[in-house]
């Protein structure tokens, strides 16, 4: 059980999402900031070279669909 928010690791998911259109550090920051702003997201890390976003989140608080929508809302494509 997490001391900060009382969540259980049983509700945590780790996903790697392909994100199209990212080309620079600003793109990286925009995607990470958007995803980290969602409830239950513990980590979000963009790999520009591989065009991926690795995200760790509590699926009881945010869904994978909501994470993908946050990426699209800042202007990038999630195929």
N, C-alpha and C. Protein backbone atom coordinates (compact mmCIF):
# COMPACT_ATOMS: atom_id res chain seq x y z
N UNK A 1 0.85 -1.18 0.00
CA UNK A 1 0.00 0.00 0.00
C UNK A 1 0.90 1.24 0.00
N UNK A 2 0.57 2.16 -0.87
CA UNK A 2 1.33 3.41 -1.00
C UNK A 2 1.04 4.32 0.19
N UNK A 3 2.09 4.88 0.76
CA UNK A 3 1.92 5.77 1.91
C UNK A 3 1.31 7.12 1.52
N UNK A 4 1.55 7.55 0.28
CA UNK A 4 1.10 8.87 -0.14
C UNK A 4 -0.40 8.94 -0.45
N UNK A 5 -0.90 7.93 -1.15
CA UNK A 5 -2.31 8.03 -1.58
C UNK A 5 -3.13 6.79 -1.22
N UNK A 6 -2.55 5.86 -0.48
CA UNK A 6 -3.23 4.65 -0.04
C UNK A 6 -3.68 3.73 -1.18
N UNK A 7 -3.05 3.88 -2.33
CA UNK A 7 -3.40 2.97 -3.42
C UNK A 7 -2.66 1.65 -3.24
N UNK A 8 -3.15 0.65 -3.87
CA UNK A 8 -2.53 -0.66 -3.85
C UNK A 8 -1.86 -0.90 -5.19
N UNK A 9 -0.73 -1.56 -5.21
CA UNK A 9 -0.05 -1.83 -6.48
C UNK A 9 -0.89 -2.75 -7.36
N UNK A 10 -1.92 -3.37 -6.81
CA UNK A 10 -2.78 -4.25 -7.60
C UNK A 10 -3.54 -3.48 -8.67
N UNK A 11 -3.74 -2.18 -8.48
CA UNK A 11 -4.47 -1.37 -9.45
C UNK A 11 -3.58 -0.69 -10.46
N UNK A 12 -2.27 -0.95 -10.42
CA UNK A 12 -1.35 -0.25 -11.31
C UNK A 12 -1.15 -0.99 -12.62
N UNK A 13 -1.16 -0.23 -13.69
CA UNK A 13 -0.87 -0.76 -15.02
C UNK A 13 0.35 -0.03 -15.56
N UNK A 14 1.11 -0.72 -16.40
CA UNK A 14 2.22 -0.12 -17.13
C UNK A 14 1.96 -0.39 -18.60
N UNK A 15 1.97 0.67 -19.39
CA UNK A 15 1.71 0.56 -20.82
C UNK A 15 2.75 1.36 -21.60
N UNK A 16 3.03 0.91 -22.80
CA UNK A 16 3.85 1.66 -23.73
C UNK A 16 2.97 1.97 -24.93
N UNK A 17 2.87 3.26 -25.23
CA UNK A 17 1.97 3.75 -26.27
C UNK A 17 2.80 4.39 -27.37
N UNK A 18 2.49 4.09 -28.61
CA UNK A 18 3.13 4.77 -29.74
C UNK A 18 2.48 6.13 -29.92
N UNK A 19 3.31 7.17 -30.08
CA UNK A 19 2.82 8.53 -30.27
C UNK A 19 3.49 9.10 -31.52
N UNK A 20 2.70 9.49 -32.50
CA UNK A 20 3.22 10.04 -33.74
C UNK A 20 3.23 11.56 -33.70
N UNK A 21 4.25 12.15 -34.32
CA UNK A 21 4.31 13.60 -34.46
C UNK A 21 5.25 14.31 -33.51
N UNK A 22 5.83 13.61 -32.56
CA UNK A 22 6.77 14.24 -31.63
C UNK A 22 8.13 14.37 -32.30
N UNK A 23 8.73 15.57 -32.21
CA UNK A 23 10.01 15.79 -32.87
C UNK A 23 11.07 16.45 -31.99
N UNK A 24 10.68 17.00 -30.85
CA UNK A 24 11.66 17.78 -30.07
C UNK A 24 11.35 17.70 -28.57
N UNK A 25 12.18 18.37 -27.80
CA UNK A 25 12.02 18.41 -26.36
C UNK A 25 10.71 19.05 -25.92
N UNK A 26 10.25 20.04 -26.68
CA UNK A 26 8.98 20.68 -26.35
C UNK A 26 7.83 19.69 -26.50
N UNK A 27 7.87 18.89 -27.56
CA UNK A 27 6.86 17.85 -27.77
C UNK A 27 6.86 16.87 -26.60
N UNK A 28 8.05 16.43 -26.23
CA UNK A 28 8.24 15.49 -25.12
C UNK A 28 7.61 16.05 -23.85
N UNK A 29 7.94 17.30 -23.54
CA UNK A 29 7.43 17.95 -22.33
C UNK A 29 5.92 18.09 -22.35
N UNK A 30 5.37 18.46 -23.51
CA UNK A 30 3.92 18.66 -23.62
C UNK A 30 3.16 17.36 -23.36
N UNK A 31 3.64 16.27 -23.93
CA UNK A 31 2.98 14.98 -23.75
C UNK A 31 3.09 14.52 -22.30
N UNK A 32 4.29 14.59 -21.75
CA UNK A 32 4.49 14.14 -20.37
C UNK A 32 3.66 14.97 -19.40
N UNK A 33 3.61 16.27 -19.59
CA UNK A 33 2.84 17.14 -18.70
C UNK A 33 1.35 16.82 -18.78
N UNK A 34 0.85 16.63 -19.99
CA UNK A 34 -0.57 16.33 -20.16
C UNK A 34 -0.96 15.02 -19.47
N UNK A 35 -0.12 14.01 -19.64
CA UNK A 35 -0.43 12.71 -19.06
C UNK A 35 -0.25 12.71 -17.55
N UNK A 36 0.80 13.35 -17.07
CA UNK A 36 1.03 13.41 -15.62
C UNK A 36 -0.05 14.18 -14.89
N UNK A 37 -0.78 15.01 -15.61
CA UNK A 37 -1.86 15.79 -15.00
C UNK A 37 -3.13 14.99 -14.75
N UNK A 38 -3.18 13.77 -15.26
CA UNK A 38 -4.37 12.94 -15.06
C UNK A 38 -4.34 12.27 -13.68
N UNK A 39 -5.50 12.06 -13.08
CA UNK A 39 -5.55 11.39 -11.79
C UNK A 39 -4.98 9.97 -11.87
N UNK A 40 -4.17 9.61 -10.90
CA UNK A 40 -3.66 8.25 -10.81
C UNK A 40 -2.44 7.95 -11.64
N UNK A 41 -1.95 8.92 -12.43
CA UNK A 41 -0.75 8.68 -13.23
C UNK A 41 0.47 8.89 -12.33
N UNK A 42 1.26 7.84 -12.19
CA UNK A 42 2.44 7.89 -11.33
C UNK A 42 3.69 8.24 -12.10
N UNK A 43 3.75 7.87 -13.38
CA UNK A 43 4.94 8.15 -14.19
C UNK A 43 4.54 8.22 -15.66
N UNK A 44 5.19 9.12 -16.38
CA UNK A 44 5.01 9.24 -17.82
C UNK A 44 6.34 9.67 -18.40
N UNK A 45 6.88 8.87 -19.33
CA UNK A 45 8.19 9.17 -19.90
C UNK A 45 8.16 8.93 -21.41
N UNK A 46 8.48 9.97 -22.16
CA UNK A 46 8.52 9.90 -23.61
C UNK A 46 9.91 9.52 -24.08
N UNK A 47 9.97 8.65 -25.07
CA UNK A 47 11.20 8.30 -25.77
C UNK A 47 11.03 8.81 -27.19
N UNK A 48 11.66 9.96 -27.50
CA UNK A 48 11.49 10.57 -28.82
C UNK A 48 12.00 9.68 -29.94
N UNK A 49 13.13 9.04 -29.72
CA UNK A 49 13.73 8.20 -30.76
C UNK A 49 12.80 7.07 -31.19
N UNK A 50 12.16 6.45 -30.21
CA UNK A 50 11.27 5.32 -30.51
C UNK A 50 9.81 5.72 -30.66
N UNK A 51 9.53 7.02 -30.49
CA UNK A 51 8.16 7.54 -30.61
C UNK A 51 7.20 6.83 -29.66
N UNK A 52 7.62 6.69 -28.42
CA UNK A 52 6.78 5.99 -27.44
C UNK A 52 6.60 6.80 -26.16
N UNK A 53 5.54 6.46 -25.48
CA UNK A 53 5.25 7.00 -24.15
C UNK A 53 5.08 5.81 -23.23
N UNK A 54 5.91 5.75 -22.19
CA UNK A 54 5.73 4.73 -21.16
C UNK A 54 5.00 5.39 -20.01
N UNK A 55 3.92 4.75 -19.58
CA UNK A 55 3.10 5.34 -18.53
C UNK A 55 2.75 4.28 -17.50
N UNK A 56 2.81 4.69 -16.24
CA UNK A 56 2.41 3.84 -15.11
C UNK A 56 1.26 4.57 -14.43
N UNK A 57 0.14 3.86 -14.29
CA UNK A 57 -1.06 4.53 -13.78
C UNK A 57 -1.96 3.57 -13.03
N UNK A 58 -2.79 4.16 -12.18
CA UNK A 58 -3.81 3.41 -11.45
C UNK A 58 -5.06 3.38 -12.32
N UNK A 59 -5.39 2.20 -12.85
CA UNK A 59 -6.51 2.11 -13.77
C UNK A 59 -7.87 2.34 -13.10
N UNK A 60 -7.88 2.46 -11.78
CA UNK A 60 -9.10 2.80 -11.07
C UNK A 60 -9.37 4.30 -11.14
N UNK A 61 -8.33 5.08 -11.46
CA UNK A 61 -8.46 6.54 -11.48
C UNK A 61 -8.44 7.12 -12.88
N UNK A 62 -7.72 6.52 -13.80
CA UNK A 62 -7.67 6.95 -15.20
C UNK A 62 -7.56 5.71 -16.08
N UNK A 63 -8.20 5.78 -17.23
CA UNK A 63 -8.15 4.65 -18.17
C UNK A 63 -7.10 4.90 -19.25
N UNK A 64 -6.74 3.84 -19.93
CA UNK A 64 -5.81 3.97 -21.05
C UNK A 64 -6.43 4.87 -22.12
N UNK A 65 -7.72 4.77 -22.32
CA UNK A 65 -8.42 5.63 -23.28
C UNK A 65 -8.27 7.10 -22.91
N UNK A 66 -8.38 7.43 -21.63
CA UNK A 66 -8.23 8.82 -21.18
C UNK A 66 -6.79 9.31 -21.37
N UNK A 67 -5.84 8.43 -21.17
CA UNK A 67 -4.43 8.79 -21.37
C UNK A 67 -4.18 9.09 -22.84
N UNK A 68 -4.68 8.23 -23.72
CA UNK A 68 -4.52 8.46 -25.15
C UNK A 68 -5.21 9.76 -25.58
N UNK A 69 -6.36 10.04 -25.01
CA UNK A 69 -7.08 11.27 -25.34
C UNK A 69 -6.29 12.50 -24.89
N UNK A 70 -5.63 12.43 -23.74
CA UNK A 70 -4.80 13.55 -23.26
C UNK A 70 -3.66 13.83 -24.23
N UNK A 71 -3.07 12.78 -24.79
CA UNK A 71 -2.01 12.94 -25.78
C UNK A 71 -2.56 13.59 -27.04
N UNK A 72 -3.69 13.13 -27.49
CA UNK A 72 -4.30 13.71 -28.68
C UNK A 72 -4.73 15.16 -28.45
N UNK A 73 -5.17 15.47 -27.24
CA UNK A 73 -5.60 16.83 -26.92
C UNK A 73 -4.47 17.85 -27.01
N UNK A 74 -3.22 17.42 -26.87
CA UNK A 74 -2.09 18.34 -27.02
C UNK A 74 -1.49 18.29 -28.42
N UNK A 75 -2.17 17.60 -29.34
CA UNK A 75 -1.80 17.69 -30.74
C UNK A 75 -1.03 16.55 -31.37
N UNK A 76 -1.01 15.40 -30.73
CA UNK A 76 -0.25 14.27 -31.27
C UNK A 76 -1.18 13.11 -31.57
N UNK A 77 -0.74 12.25 -32.48
CA UNK A 77 -1.55 11.12 -32.89
C UNK A 77 -1.17 9.85 -32.14
N UNK A 78 -2.19 9.12 -31.73
CA UNK A 78 -2.00 7.82 -31.09
C UNK A 78 -2.66 6.80 -32.02
N UNK A 79 -1.84 6.09 -32.83
CA UNK A 79 -2.44 5.16 -33.81
C UNK A 79 -3.12 3.97 -33.14
